Amino acid sequence: MKFPKKIPIFPLSNFIIFPKTTVPLNIFEPRYVEMINDSMKSDKLIGMIQPKTIVEVRASGPELHKIGCLGKITSFKEADDGRYLIDLKGIIRFKIINELKSDKKYRECEVNYETYLADLNEKKEDLKFSDLELIFKDLKTLFQKRGFVINWQALEKQSLDETINALAMASPFSLEEKQILLEAVSLDLRKNKIAEILSTYTFDEYQNTTLQ
C-alpha cells in the first residue's frame, strides 16, 4: 500500500491515535473544517500529531513532535451547526521530514513511514495477557483514582495490540508520556514503557500516602 508523502497535519494537544484504533473527533475550527473537506475529496487521510508543550513562537503555529500517526476518515457526519463529526482510524505512524509552505489555512508536511512499516502487519506480536496482568491492575487503580471509566471486559475481547494501544490513548498520562508510547516502535517496547510510566505514578501515590 502506498501512502502520500505530503499530508495535511492536525496538531492536537494531549491526543494520540495509534494504528488499528479508531477515535471520534469533533471538528469545528474553520481551518480544520477546510482540511476535512479537502481530505474527503481526495484520499480521506490526515496526519494526527502532538504540538510540543514548550511552544516555540512561529508564524506557522506551535512546534510539532516529529512522530505522528496517519489516520483515515471512516465515518463522516455534518452537524446542524456546521461542525463535522468524524471517526478516524489509525493506519501507520510517520516521521516529519519537513513542513511545507502552503496557501492552505492548515499545515502540511512531507513525511516518511519507513520506521513504522510493521504497523501494517496483521501478524500478532507474541505477548500474552498474563504478561500484562500487573500492568492492567496498576492501570485500573490509576484510572479509578483519576475518575476515568473504562469497559475492561470489552477491552479484553480485543486483540492485544488494540488493547494496549487503546489504553495508551485513553490513559491519564502527560503529553510527553503519551508521545513516548507513540514512538515506541514495537508492542513489547510499548508495554514496557507503560509499566515504567506506571511505576512512577505508583511511587508518587506511595510517597503521598507516607507523607500524609
Protein backbone atom coordinates (compact mmCIF):
# COMPACT_ATOMS: atom_id res chain seq x y z
CA MET A 1 0.00 0.00 0.00
CA LYS A 2 1.34 3.43 -0.95
CA PHE A 3 0.83 6.40 1.31
CA PRO A 4 1.16 10.08 0.37
CA LYS A 5 4.48 11.77 1.11
CA LYS A 6 2.67 15.09 1.59
CA ILE A 7 -0.14 15.06 4.18
CA PRO A 8 -2.35 17.60 5.98
CA ILE A 9 -1.45 17.88 9.66
CA PHE A 10 -3.88 18.15 12.56
CA PRO A 11 -1.89 19.15 15.68
CA LEU A 12 -3.96 18.25 18.73
CA SER A 13 -2.52 18.60 22.22
CA ASN A 14 -2.59 15.65 24.62
CA PHE A 15 -4.21 13.45 22.00
CA ILE A 16 -2.71 10.49 20.18
CA ILE A 17 -4.06 7.90 17.80
CA PHE A 18 -2.41 4.52 17.25
CA PRO A 19 -2.58 2.19 14.28
CA LYS A 20 -5.58 -0.20 14.39
CA THR A 21 -7.53 2.06 16.77
CA THR A 22 -10.47 4.33 15.89
CA VAL A 23 -11.38 7.58 17.63
CA PRO A 24 -14.26 10.07 17.24
CA LEU A 25 -13.35 13.70 16.55
CA ASN A 26 -15.44 16.85 16.72
CA ILE A 27 -14.17 19.32 14.08
CA PHE A 28 -15.27 22.95 14.45
CA GLU A 29 -12.29 25.25 13.75
CA PRO A 30 -12.68 26.71 10.21
CA ARG A 31 -9.17 25.70 9.09
CA TYR A 32 -9.73 22.07 10.14
CA VAL A 33 -13.21 22.02 8.62
CA GLU A 34 -11.43 23.04 5.39
CA MET A 35 -8.85 20.29 5.94
CA ILE A 36 -11.58 17.65 6.34
CA ASN A 37 -13.35 18.98 3.24
CA ASP A 38 -10.15 18.65 1.20
CA SER A 39 -9.39 15.22 2.64
CA MET A 40 -12.89 13.89 1.86
CA LYS A 41 -12.43 14.96 -1.77
CA SER A 42 -9.16 13.02 -2.08
CA ASP A 43 -7.85 10.06 -0.03
CA LYS A 44 -9.58 10.73 3.34
CA LEU A 45 -6.15 10.70 5.05
CA ILE A 46 -4.90 13.19 7.66
CA GLY A 47 -1.90 13.17 9.99
CA MET A 48 -2.52 13.45 13.73
CA ILE A 49 0.39 14.82 15.75
CA GLN A 50 1.01 16.48 19.09
CA PRO A 51 2.39 20.01 19.41
CA LYS A 52 5.22 20.34 21.91
CA THR A 53 4.41 21.72 25.35
CA ILE A 54 7.11 24.38 25.22
CA VAL A 55 5.63 26.42 22.42
CA GLU A 56 8.12 27.97 20.07
CA VAL A 57 6.53 31.12 18.64
CA ARG A 58 6.46 30.73 14.87
CA ALA A 59 4.23 32.12 12.16
CA SER A 60 3.03 28.63 11.22
CA GLY A 61 2.00 27.72 14.77
CA PRO A 62 3.47 25.65 17.61
CA GLU A 63 6.49 23.41 17.08
CA LEU A 64 5.44 19.83 16.45
CA HIS A 65 6.72 16.49 17.67
CA LYS A 66 8.43 14.54 14.89
CA ILE A 67 6.33 11.36 15.15
CA GLY A 68 2.58 11.19 14.49
CA CYS A 69 0.04 8.76 13.07
CA LEU A 70 -1.71 8.77 9.71
CA GLY A 71 -5.47 8.33 10.08
CA LYS A 72 -8.25 7.56 7.61
CA ILE A 73 -11.71 9.08 7.93
CA THR A 74 -14.05 6.08 8.19
CA SER A 75 -17.22 7.94 9.19
CA PHE A 76 -18.34 11.49 8.40
CA LYS A 77 -21.38 13.45 9.57
CA GLU A 78 -22.16 17.16 9.37
CA ALA A 79 -23.95 18.65 12.39
CA ASP A 80 -26.66 21.32 12.07
CA ASP A 81 -24.26 24.00 13.33
CA GLY A 82 -21.62 23.23 10.67
CA ARG A 83 -19.37 21.03 12.82
CA TYR A 84 -18.06 17.78 11.41
CA LEU A 85 -18.27 14.60 13.46
CA ILE A 86 -15.81 12.06 12.13
CA ASP A 87 -14.31 8.71 13.08
CA LEU A 88 -10.61 8.44 12.36
CA LYS A 89 -8.85 5.08 12.13
CA GLY A 90 -5.10 4.95 12.74
CA ILE A 91 -3.15 3.25 9.95
CA ILE A 92 0.60 3.84 10.21
CA ARG A 93 2.93 6.13 12.13
CA PHE A 94 5.08 8.65 10.30
CA LYS A 95 8.09 10.89 10.85
CA ILE A 96 8.01 14.51 9.71
CA ILE A 97 10.80 15.28 7.25
CA ASN A 98 9.91 18.94 6.87
CA GLU A 99 6.99 21.34 6.94
CA LEU A 100 5.86 22.59 3.53
CA LYS A 101 4.94 26.12 2.56
CA SER A 102 1.27 26.13 1.63
CA ASP A 103 -1.54 28.52 0.77
CA LYS A 104 -3.91 26.36 2.84
CA LYS A 105 -5.18 27.54 6.21
CA TYR A 106 -3.92 24.31 7.76
CA ARG A 107 -0.38 22.93 7.88
CA GLU A 108 1.08 20.33 5.50
CA CYS A 109 4.21 18.24 5.94
CA GLU A 110 6.44 15.92 3.98
CA VAL A 111 6.59 12.63 5.89
CA ASN A 112 8.30 9.24 5.87
CA TYR A 113 6.80 5.93 7.04
CA GLU A 114 9.82 3.59 6.79
CA THR A 115 10.49 3.13 10.52
CA TYR A 116 6.91 2.04 11.17
CA LEU A 117 6.06 -0.33 8.30
CA ALA A 118 5.41 -3.06 10.88
CA ASP A 119 2.26 -1.11 11.83
CA LEU A 120 0.68 -2.59 8.69
CA ASN A 121 1.32 -6.20 9.72
CA GLU A 122 -1.68 -8.32 10.60
CA LYS A 123 0.58 -10.75 12.47
CA LYS A 124 0.01 -10.55 16.23
CA GLU A 125 3.02 -9.98 18.44
CA ASP A 126 3.87 -12.78 20.83
CA LEU A 127 2.59 -11.29 24.07
CA LYS A 128 0.12 -12.90 26.41
CA PHE A 129 -2.49 -11.30 28.63
CA SER A 130 -0.76 -12.97 31.57
CA ASP A 131 2.25 -10.72 30.80
CA LEU A 132 0.02 -7.72 31.31
CA GLU A 133 -1.89 -8.62 34.48
CA LEU A 134 0.20 -6.36 36.70
CA ILE A 135 0.07 -3.50 34.20
CA PHE A 136 -3.70 -3.84 33.94
CA LYS A 137 -4.03 -3.94 37.73
CA ASP A 138 -1.96 -0.77 38.16
CA LEU A 139 -3.74 0.93 35.25
CA LYS A 140 -7.16 0.11 36.69
CA THR A 141 -6.10 1.64 40.01
CA LEU A 142 -4.77 4.77 38.32
CA PHE A 143 -7.85 5.15 36.10
CA GLN A 144 -10.17 4.77 39.09
CA LYS A 145 -8.24 7.33 41.18
CA ARG A 146 -8.40 9.82 38.28
CA GLY A 147 -12.12 9.16 37.74
CA PHE A 148 -11.66 7.51 34.34
CA VAL A 149 -14.23 4.87 33.39
CA ILE A 150 -13.08 2.03 31.11
CA ASN A 151 -15.02 -1.01 29.91
CA TRP A 152 -12.31 -3.53 30.79
CA GLN A 153 -14.33 -6.60 29.75
CA ALA A 154 -14.77 -5.18 26.25
CA LEU A 155 -11.04 -4.38 26.07
CA GLU A 156 -10.04 -7.92 26.97
CA LYS A 157 -12.00 -9.24 23.98
CA GLN A 158 -9.85 -7.20 21.60
CA SER A 159 -6.51 -8.24 20.23
CA LEU A 160 -3.56 -7.47 22.48
CA ASP A 161 -2.15 -4.69 20.32
CA GLU A 162 -5.57 -2.99 20.10
CA THR A 163 -5.94 -3.23 23.88
CA ILE A 164 -2.51 -1.81 24.69
CA ASN A 165 -2.92 1.00 22.17
CA ALA A 166 -6.43 1.84 23.39
CA LEU A 167 -5.18 2.04 26.98
CA ALA A 168 -2.20 4.18 25.96
CA MET A 169 -4.56 6.57 24.14
CA ALA A 170 -7.12 6.79 26.95
CA SER A 171 -4.66 6.92 29.84
CA PRO A 172 -4.37 9.97 32.12
CA PHE A 173 -0.66 10.23 31.25
CA SER A 174 1.01 13.51 30.32
CA LEU A 175 1.51 14.70 26.75
CA GLU A 176 5.19 13.74 26.88
CA GLU A 177 4.43 10.28 28.29
CA LYS A 178 1.86 9.61 25.55
CA GLN A 179 4.38 10.73 22.95
CA ILE A 180 6.92 8.23 24.33
CA LEU A 181 4.31 5.46 23.94
CA LEU A 182 3.53 6.56 20.38
CA GLU A 183 7.21 6.50 19.42
CA ALA A 184 7.85 3.02 20.90
CA VAL A 185 8.45 1.00 17.73
CA SER A 186 7.13 -2.39 18.90
CA LEU A 187 4.23 -3.50 21.06
CA ASP A 188 6.59 -5.18 23.52
CA LEU A 189 8.51 -1.92 23.94
CA ARG A 190 5.24 -0.01 24.40
CA LYS A 191 4.16 -2.48 27.10
CA ASN A 192 7.45 -1.93 28.94
CA LYS A 193 7.15 1.86 28.62
CA ILE A 194 3.62 1.75 30.08
CA ALA A 195 5.00 -0.28 33.00
CA GLU A 196 7.82 2.26 33.53
CA ILE A 197 5.43 5.22 33.48
CA LEU A 198 3.02 3.45 35.81
CA SER A 199 5.81 2.71 38.28
CA THR A 200 6.43 6.46 38.67
CA TYR A 201 2.71 7.05 39.33
CA THR A 202 2.62 4.17 41.82
CA PHE A 203 5.72 5.58 43.54
CA ASP A 204 4.09 9.02 43.74
CA GLU A 205 0.96 7.51 45.27
CA TYR A 206 3.12 5.68 47.80
CA GLN A 207 5.05 8.85 48.62
CA ASN A 208 1.82 10.78 49.10
CA THR A 209 0.40 8.22 51.49
CA THR A 210 3.57 8.17 53.59
CA LEU A 211 3.71 11.95 53.79
CA GLN A 212 0.15 12.43 55.00
